């Protein structure tokens, strides 16, 4: 099976800056031959994101706040008009208020819980629902999770619970969409110095511990996550759906 994406249309949600996992995946998809539509969140993100997007020949930029159903409907209407169909959807979107990622999980607020699940989990469901009618030839939907969905990572707090819900959503979506030849998978990357990760208290300690315990003796590089995204988008992974693929230098296999 080939990993070429020639003739495929991919839409990537979640590009914030050059350190974004979404950006690494977008670059990989572009290099594999996909035609790209790349979304950024709002006008505040526009300047840096647009410069990056326009650096990839043929890529087009779209603004979309995934917590707004009207914006999702608008953007997918634009995608249908512009491309006619889709083959790949990348959902690299997660957010929780900064105060929720400090202190103890027991102090999670109702509003913080709602926001984390709306932006980080429900958005995958909403985007998948909008993308599915355009995936006439089947397709691949890819989202981003983290080890804290399974094991306690101090300070990850409500985001860990959201990632657990995200992984469960991947399984249910894969069941619903499988008959349409649409696959749904998650990549569980090791800790990275992304814009989102900088809001987590103790990130430096997390990176140090990860490198010490991982069988490969290092932290993962964002380009390795990007390469896995290309694999999951391509026919090389045609028999894989509903799965969490770990790209963390083996950290997740360790007991202590």
Protein backbone atom coordinates (compact mmCIF):
# COMPACT_ATOMS: atom_id res chain seq x y z
CA UNK A 1 0.00 0.00 0.00
CA UNK A 2 1.25 3.46 -0.91
CA UNK A 3 1.75 6.41 1.43
CA UNK A 4 1.36 8.83 -1.48
CA UNK A 5 -1.45 11.37 -1.12
CA UNK A 6 -1.42 12.61 -4.71
CA UNK A 7 -4.89 13.74 -5.72
CA UNK A 8 -6.17 13.80 -2.12
CA UNK A 9 -7.75 16.83 -0.43
CA UNK A 10 -6.91 17.35 3.25
CA UNK A 11 -8.20 19.88 5.76
CA UNK A 12 -6.15 20.55 8.90
CA UNK A 13 -7.60 22.26 11.97
CA UNK A 14 -5.42 23.68 14.72
CA UNK A 15 -2.43 25.45 13.21
CA UNK A 16 -1.20 28.07 15.67
CA UNK A 17 2.50 28.50 14.91
CA UNK A 18 5.52 26.66 13.51
CA UNK A 19 5.75 24.46 16.62
CA UNK A 20 2.17 23.16 16.28
CA UNK A 21 1.63 19.45 15.79
CA UNK A 22 -0.99 20.47 13.22
CA UNK A 23 1.69 22.34 11.27
CA UNK A 24 4.04 19.35 11.26
CA UNK A 25 1.25 17.10 9.97
CA UNK A 26 0.30 19.71 7.36
CA UNK A 27 3.88 19.83 6.08
CA UNK A 28 3.97 16.03 5.87
CA UNK A 29 0.67 15.88 4.00
CA UNK A 30 1.91 18.53 1.58
CA UNK A 31 5.16 16.66 0.94
CA UNK A 32 3.15 13.48 0.28
CA UNK A 33 1.21 15.28 -2.45
CA UNK A 34 -2.04 16.28 -0.76
CA UNK A 35 -3.83 19.51 -1.62
CA UNK A 36 -4.28 21.39 1.64
CA UNK A 37 -6.88 23.56 3.32
CA UNK A 38 -5.59 24.73 6.69
CA UNK A 39 -7.68 26.34 9.41
CA UNK A 40 -6.66 28.69 12.19
CA UNK A 41 -8.87 29.76 15.08
CA UNK A 42 -9.35 33.52 14.96
CA UNK A 43 -7.99 36.90 13.93
CA UNK A 44 -5.45 36.82 16.77
CA UNK A 45 -3.90 33.70 15.25
CA UNK A 46 -4.25 34.91 11.69
CA UNK A 47 -0.95 36.70 11.10
CA UNK A 48 1.44 33.90 12.06
CA UNK A 49 -0.77 31.08 10.83
CA UNK A 50 -1.44 32.65 7.44
CA UNK A 51 2.25 33.27 6.77
CA UNK A 52 2.95 29.60 7.48
CA UNK A 53 0.08 28.35 5.37
CA UNK A 54 1.01 30.48 2.38
CA UNK A 55 4.55 29.10 2.56
CA UNK A 56 3.18 25.78 1.29
CA UNK A 57 2.49 26.14 -2.45
CA UNK A 58 -1.17 25.54 -3.21
CA UNK A 59 -2.33 25.53 0.42
CA UNK A 60 -5.30 27.74 1.30
CA UNK A 61 -6.18 29.36 4.63
CA UNK A 62 -9.56 29.29 6.37
CA UNK A 63 -10.54 30.84 9.71
CA UNK A 64 -12.82 28.75 11.94
CA UNK A 65 -13.67 28.74 15.63
CA UNK A 66 -14.58 25.07 16.16
CA UNK A 67 -16.74 25.92 19.18
CA UNK A 68 -19.17 27.72 16.86
CA UNK A 69 -21.48 25.51 14.77
CA UNK A 70 -22.28 28.33 12.35
CA UNK A 71 -18.59 28.79 11.57
CA UNK A 72 -18.11 25.05 11.03
CA UNK A 73 -21.06 25.04 8.62
CA UNK A 74 -19.68 28.09 6.80
CA UNK A 75 -16.18 26.64 6.41
CA UNK A 76 -17.35 23.26 5.16
CA UNK A 77 -19.61 25.03 2.70
CA UNK A 78 -16.52 26.86 1.43
CA UNK A 79 -14.56 23.61 1.27
CA UNK A 80 -17.32 21.92 -0.73
CA UNK A 81 -17.49 24.82 -3.15
CA UNK A 82 -13.71 25.03 -3.53
CA UNK A 83 -12.74 21.35 -3.65
CA UNK A 84 -15.93 19.33 -4.10
CA UNK A 85 -14.76 16.53 -1.82
CA UNK A 86 -12.42 15.67 1.05
CA UNK A 87 -10.21 12.71 1.86
CA UNK A 88 -8.46 13.69 5.10
CA UNK A 89 -9.50 15.62 8.22
CA UNK A 90 -6.91 16.46 10.87
CA UNK A 91 -8.29 17.62 14.23
CA UNK A 92 -5.45 19.04 16.33
CA UNK A 93 -7.50 21.20 18.66
CA UNK A 94 -7.49 21.28 22.46
CA UNK A 95 -8.09 23.93 25.10
CA UNK A 96 -8.81 24.32 28.79
CA UNK A 97 -8.62 27.55 30.83
CA UNK A 98 -5.11 27.99 32.23
CA UNK A 99 -6.27 27.95 35.85
CA UNK A 100 -7.67 24.44 35.33
CA UNK A 101 -4.16 23.14 34.55
CA UNK A 102 -2.72 24.17 37.90
CA UNK A 103 -3.29 22.85 41.39
CA UNK A 104 -5.58 19.91 42.13
CA UNK A 105 -8.05 18.20 39.82
CA UNK A 106 -10.68 18.22 42.57
CA UNK A 107 -10.89 21.99 42.17
CA UNK A 108 -11.97 21.76 38.53
CA UNK A 109 -14.77 24.25 37.90
CA UNK A 110 -18.01 23.41 36.11
CA UNK A 111 -17.27 26.02 33.44
CA UNK A 112 -13.70 24.81 32.98
CA UNK A 113 -14.96 21.25 32.52
CA UNK A 114 -17.53 22.41 29.97
CA UNK A 115 -15.04 24.44 27.95
CA UNK A 116 -12.41 21.69 27.88
CA UNK A 117 -14.88 19.12 26.59
CA UNK A 118 -16.60 21.45 24.14
CA UNK A 119 -13.41 22.64 22.45
CA UNK A 120 -11.28 19.50 22.79
CA UNK A 121 -13.86 16.73 22.29
CA UNK A 122 -17.18 17.87 20.86
CA UNK A 123 -15.36 19.72 18.09
CA UNK A 124 -14.10 16.38 16.73
CA UNK A 125 -17.68 15.10 16.54
CA UNK A 126 -18.91 18.31 14.90
CA UNK A 127 -16.08 18.43 12.36
CA UNK A 128 -16.46 14.73 11.53
CA UNK A 129 -20.19 15.17 10.96
CA UNK A 130 -19.51 18.08 8.60
CA UNK A 131 -16.68 16.30 6.77
CA UNK A 132 -18.35 12.91 6.27
CA UNK A 133 -20.68 13.95 3.38
CA UNK A 134 -17.64 15.28 1.49
CA UNK A 135 -15.69 12.03 1.93
CA UNK A 136 -17.45 10.35 -0.99
CA UNK A 137 -14.47 8.09 -1.67
CA UNK A 138 -13.92 7.22 1.98
CA UNK A 139 -11.35 9.01 4.09
CA UNK A 140 -9.25 9.33 7.19
CA UNK A 141 -9.97 11.42 10.29
CA UNK A 142 -7.05 11.98 12.67
CA UNK A 143 -7.05 13.58 16.11
CA UNK A 144 -4.47 14.16 18.86
CA UNK A 145 -4.55 12.65 22.32
CA UNK A 146 -2.10 12.15 25.20
CA UNK A 147 -1.02 9.44 27.68
CA UNK A 148 -2.79 11.29 30.54
CA UNK A 149 -6.06 9.86 29.22
CA UNK A 150 -4.97 6.52 30.75
CA UNK A 151 -2.58 7.38 33.59
CA UNK A 152 -2.40 10.28 36.05
CA UNK A 153 -0.13 13.10 34.89
CA UNK A 154 -0.10 15.76 37.63
CA UNK A 155 -1.50 19.14 36.54
CA UNK A 156 -2.98 17.80 33.29
CA UNK A 157 -6.24 17.68 35.25
CA UNK A 158 -9.43 18.31 33.28
CA UNK A 159 -7.59 18.06 29.96
CA UNK A 160 -6.78 14.43 30.79
CA UNK A 161 -10.48 13.71 31.28
CA UNK A 162 -11.21 15.45 27.98
CA UNK A 163 -8.59 13.31 26.22
CA UNK A 164 -10.19 10.17 27.65
CA UNK A 165 -13.52 11.34 26.23
CA UNK A 166 -11.80 12.10 22.93
CA UNK A 167 -10.39 8.57 22.69
CA UNK A 168 -13.82 7.10 23.40
CA UNK A 169 -15.29 9.39 20.73
CA UNK A 170 -12.73 8.06 18.24
CA UNK A 171 -14.05 4.54 18.79
CA UNK A 172 -17.72 5.51 18.41
CA UNK A 173 -17.02 7.63 15.34
CA UNK A 174 -15.03 4.83 13.76
CA UNK A 175 -18.03 2.55 14.26
CA UNK A 176 -20.51 5.04 12.82
CA UNK A 177 -18.37 5.98 9.82
CA UNK A 178 -16.76 2.66 8.97
CA UNK A 179 -19.50 1.66 6.52
CA UNK A 180 -18.66 4.81 4.56
CA UNK A 181 -15.01 3.69 4.41
CA UNK A 182 -14.02 6.55 6.71
CA UNK A 183 -11.38 5.64 9.28
CA UNK A 184 -10.96 7.50 12.59
CA UNK A 185 -7.78 7.29 14.66
CA UNK A 186 -5.88 9.20 17.34
CA UNK A 187 -2.17 9.88 17.71
CA UNK A 188 -0.90 9.92 21.29
CA UNK A 189 2.26 12.00 21.13
CA UNK A 190 4.79 12.38 23.90
CA UNK A 191 5.10 15.83 25.51
CA UNK A 192 6.16 18.61 23.13
CA UNK A 193 6.88 22.29 23.56
CA UNK A 194 3.79 23.47 21.72
CA UNK A 195 1.78 26.62 22.42
CA UNK A 196 -0.93 24.55 24.12
CA UNK A 197 1.55 22.59 26.27
CA UNK A 198 3.14 25.75 27.63
CA UNK A 199 0.01 26.30 29.71
CA UNK A 200 0.61 23.09 31.67
CA UNK A 201 2.34 23.57 35.02
CA UNK A 202 5.54 21.52 35.31
CA UNK A 203 6.08 20.94 31.57
CA UNK A 204 9.86 21.02 32.01
CA UNK A 205 9.75 18.23 34.61
CA UNK A 206 7.43 16.26 32.36
CA UNK A 207 9.85 16.46 29.45
CA UNK A 208 12.82 15.48 31.66
CA UNK A 209 11.03 12.49 33.17
CA UNK A 210 9.80 11.34 29.78
CA UNK A 211 13.29 11.36 28.26
CA UNK A 212 14.74 9.47 31.22
CA UNK A 213 12.11 6.70 31.21
CA UNK A 214 11.34 6.22 27.52
CA UNK A 215 13.02 3.15 25.99
CA UNK A 216 14.53 5.32 23.25
CA UNK A 217 16.01 7.60 25.93
CA UNK A 218 14.71 10.84 24.46
CA UNK A 219 11.64 12.95 23.78
CA UNK A 220 9.74 12.61 20.55
CA UNK A 221 10.33 15.11 17.75
CA UNK A 222 7.30 16.85 16.29
CA UNK A 223 8.33 15.70 12.80
CA UNK A 224 7.83 12.09 13.95
CA UNK A 225 4.26 12.93 14.88
CA UNK A 226 3.82 14.55 11.47
CA UNK A 227 5.07 11.41 9.72
CA UNK A 228 2.57 9.28 11.65
CA UNK A 229 -0.19 11.63 10.54
CA UNK A 230 0.81 11.03 6.92
CA UNK A 231 0.76 7.26 7.50
CA UNK A 232 -2.75 7.41 8.99
CA UNK A 233 -3.95 9.63 6.14
CA UNK A 234 -2.64 7.25 3.48
CA UNK A 235 -3.68 3.87 2.11
CA UNK A 236 -0.73 2.37 3.99
CA UNK A 237 -2.99 2.36 7.09
CA UNK A 238 -6.15 1.22 5.29
CA UNK A 239 -6.90 -1.50 7.84
CA UNK A 240 -6.55 0.69 10.93
CA UNK A 241 -9.48 2.45 12.57
CA UNK A 242 -10.66 3.26 16.08
CA UNK A 243 -7.08 3.09 17.38
CA UNK A 244 -4.74 5.18 19.50
CA UNK A 245 -1.26 5.17 17.95
CA UNK A 246 1.48 6.06 20.44
CA UNK A 247 4.33 8.20 19.16
CA UNK A 248 6.21 8.73 22.42
CA UNK A 249 9.55 6.89 22.10
CA UNK A 250 7.95 3.97 23.94
CA UNK A 251 7.21 5.81 27.19
CA UNK A 252 3.69 4.35 27.45
CA UNK A 253 4.94 0.75 27.75
CA UNK A 254 6.88 1.40 30.96
CA UNK A 255 5.54 0.43 34.38
CA UNK A 256 8.02 2.60 36.30
